[in-house]
């Protein structure tokens, strides 16, 4: 009886873990979404200030577009990396670099 219960418990545990293996940690998904929201808002602010033609602004726009694709593919670490890099380029655009 104990063997059956332990086998059943092990099977349930394996199924539970397998069912959740494709789900990213909520914090990474949220960090990606938050980074995209902030990044696109900062990009629009920089555009309103007249920095939309700068090389840094263009790089930031490309990175944010790529980050959005990474988000759709559930590749959250890559999305987070790209949004952080994009926001740095936006800061550089604001400084005129």
Protein backbone atom coordinates (compact mmCIF):
# COMPACT_ATOMS: atom_id res chain seq x y z
CA UNK A 1 0.00 0.00 0.00
CA UNK A 2 2.82 2.40 0.89
CA UNK A 3 4.57 1.66 -2.40
CA UNK A 4 1.43 2.46 -4.40
CA UNK A 5 0.95 5.75 -2.56
CA UNK A 6 4.55 6.78 -3.08
CA UNK A 7 4.38 5.86 -6.78
CA UNK A 8 1.12 7.76 -7.14
CA UNK A 9 2.57 10.75 -5.32
CA UNK A 10 5.68 10.66 -7.50
CA UNK A 11 3.59 10.49 -10.66
CA UNK A 12 1.45 13.44 -9.57
CA UNK A 13 4.56 15.45 -8.73
CA UNK A 14 6.15 14.70 -12.11
CA UNK A 15 2.99 15.64 -13.98
CA UNK A 16 2.69 18.85 -12.01
CA UNK A 17 6.26 19.84 -12.72
CA UNK A 18 6.00 18.93 -16.39
CA UNK A 19 2.83 20.96 -16.77
CA UNK A 20 4.47 24.08 -15.35
CA UNK A 21 7.86 23.76 -17.01
CA UNK A 22 6.95 26.09 -19.89
CA UNK A 23 5.71 28.86 -17.60
CA UNK A 24 8.32 31.52 -16.88
CA UNK A 25 8.62 32.93 -13.39
CA UNK A 26 6.08 35.69 -13.04
CA UNK A 27 8.74 38.18 -11.99
CA UNK A 28 10.61 37.81 -15.31
CA UNK A 29 7.44 38.21 -17.35
CA UNK A 30 6.49 41.28 -15.33
CA UNK A 31 10.00 42.75 -15.58
CA UNK A 32 9.89 42.32 -19.35
CA UNK A 33 6.46 43.96 -19.64
CA UNK A 34 7.42 46.79 -17.29
CA UNK A 35 10.67 47.40 -19.16
CA UNK A 36 8.81 47.55 -22.47
CA UNK A 37 6.21 49.96 -21.09
CA UNK A 38 8.83 52.27 -19.61
CA UNK A 39 11.09 51.98 -22.63
CA UNK A 40 8.40 52.89 -25.15
CA UNK A 41 7.23 55.79 -22.93
CA UNK A 42 10.80 57.10 -22.64
CA UNK A 43 11.26 56.65 -26.39
CA UNK A 44 8.18 58.79 -27.06
CA UNK A 45 9.43 61.45 -24.61
CA UNK A 46 12.79 61.55 -26.38
CA UNK A 47 10.99 61.84 -29.72
CA UNK A 48 8.93 64.75 -28.39
CA UNK A 49 12.18 66.46 -27.35
CA UNK A 50 13.48 66.14 -30.90
CA UNK A 51 15.96 63.31 -30.42
CA UNK A 52 14.23 60.87 -32.79
CA UNK A 53 16.90 61.25 -35.47
CA UNK A 54 19.86 60.45 -33.25
CA UNK A 55 21.75 57.20 -33.61
CA UNK A 56 21.09 56.34 -29.95
CA UNK A 57 17.34 56.83 -30.39
CA UNK A 58 17.29 54.62 -33.49
CA UNK A 59 19.25 51.88 -31.69
CA UNK A 60 16.84 52.08 -28.76
CA UNK A 61 13.82 51.78 -31.07
CA UNK A 62 15.32 48.68 -32.68
CA UNK A 63 16.12 47.08 -29.34
CA UNK A 64 12.61 47.71 -28.01
CA UNK A 65 11.10 46.18 -31.13
CA UNK A 66 13.34 43.12 -30.71
CA UNK A 67 12.43 42.94 -27.01
CA UNK A 68 8.74 42.89 -27.91
CA UNK A 69 9.37 39.88 -30.15
CA UNK A 70 11.30 38.16 -27.36
CA UNK A 71 8.34 38.77 -25.04
CA UNK A 72 5.97 37.13 -27.51
CA UNK A 73 8.30 34.11 -27.67
CA UNK A 74 8.42 33.93 -23.84
CA UNK A 75 12.17 34.59 -23.86
CA UNK A 76 11.98 36.91 -20.90
CA UNK A 77 15.68 37.15 -19.95
CA UNK A 78 16.49 38.30 -23.49
CA UNK A 79 13.58 40.75 -23.40
CA UNK A 80 14.79 42.21 -20.10
CA UNK A 81 18.33 42.55 -21.44
CA UNK A 82 17.14 44.35 -24.57
CA UNK A 83 14.88 46.75 -22.67
CA UNK A 84 17.71 47.66 -20.30
CA UNK A 85 20.06 48.31 -23.20
CA UNK A 86 17.40 50.31 -25.04
CA UNK A 87 16.74 52.52 -22.02
CA UNK A 88 20.47 53.22 -21.76
CA UNK A 89 20.50 54.34 -25.40
CA UNK A 90 17.50 56.59 -24.70
CA UNK A 91 19.40 58.20 -21.80
CA UNK A 92 22.33 58.76 -24.16
CA UNK A 93 20.01 60.34 -26.73
CA UNK A 94 18.69 62.71 -24.06
CA UNK A 95 22.27 63.69 -23.24
CA UNK A 96 22.99 64.28 -26.91
CA UNK A 97 25.43 61.39 -27.31
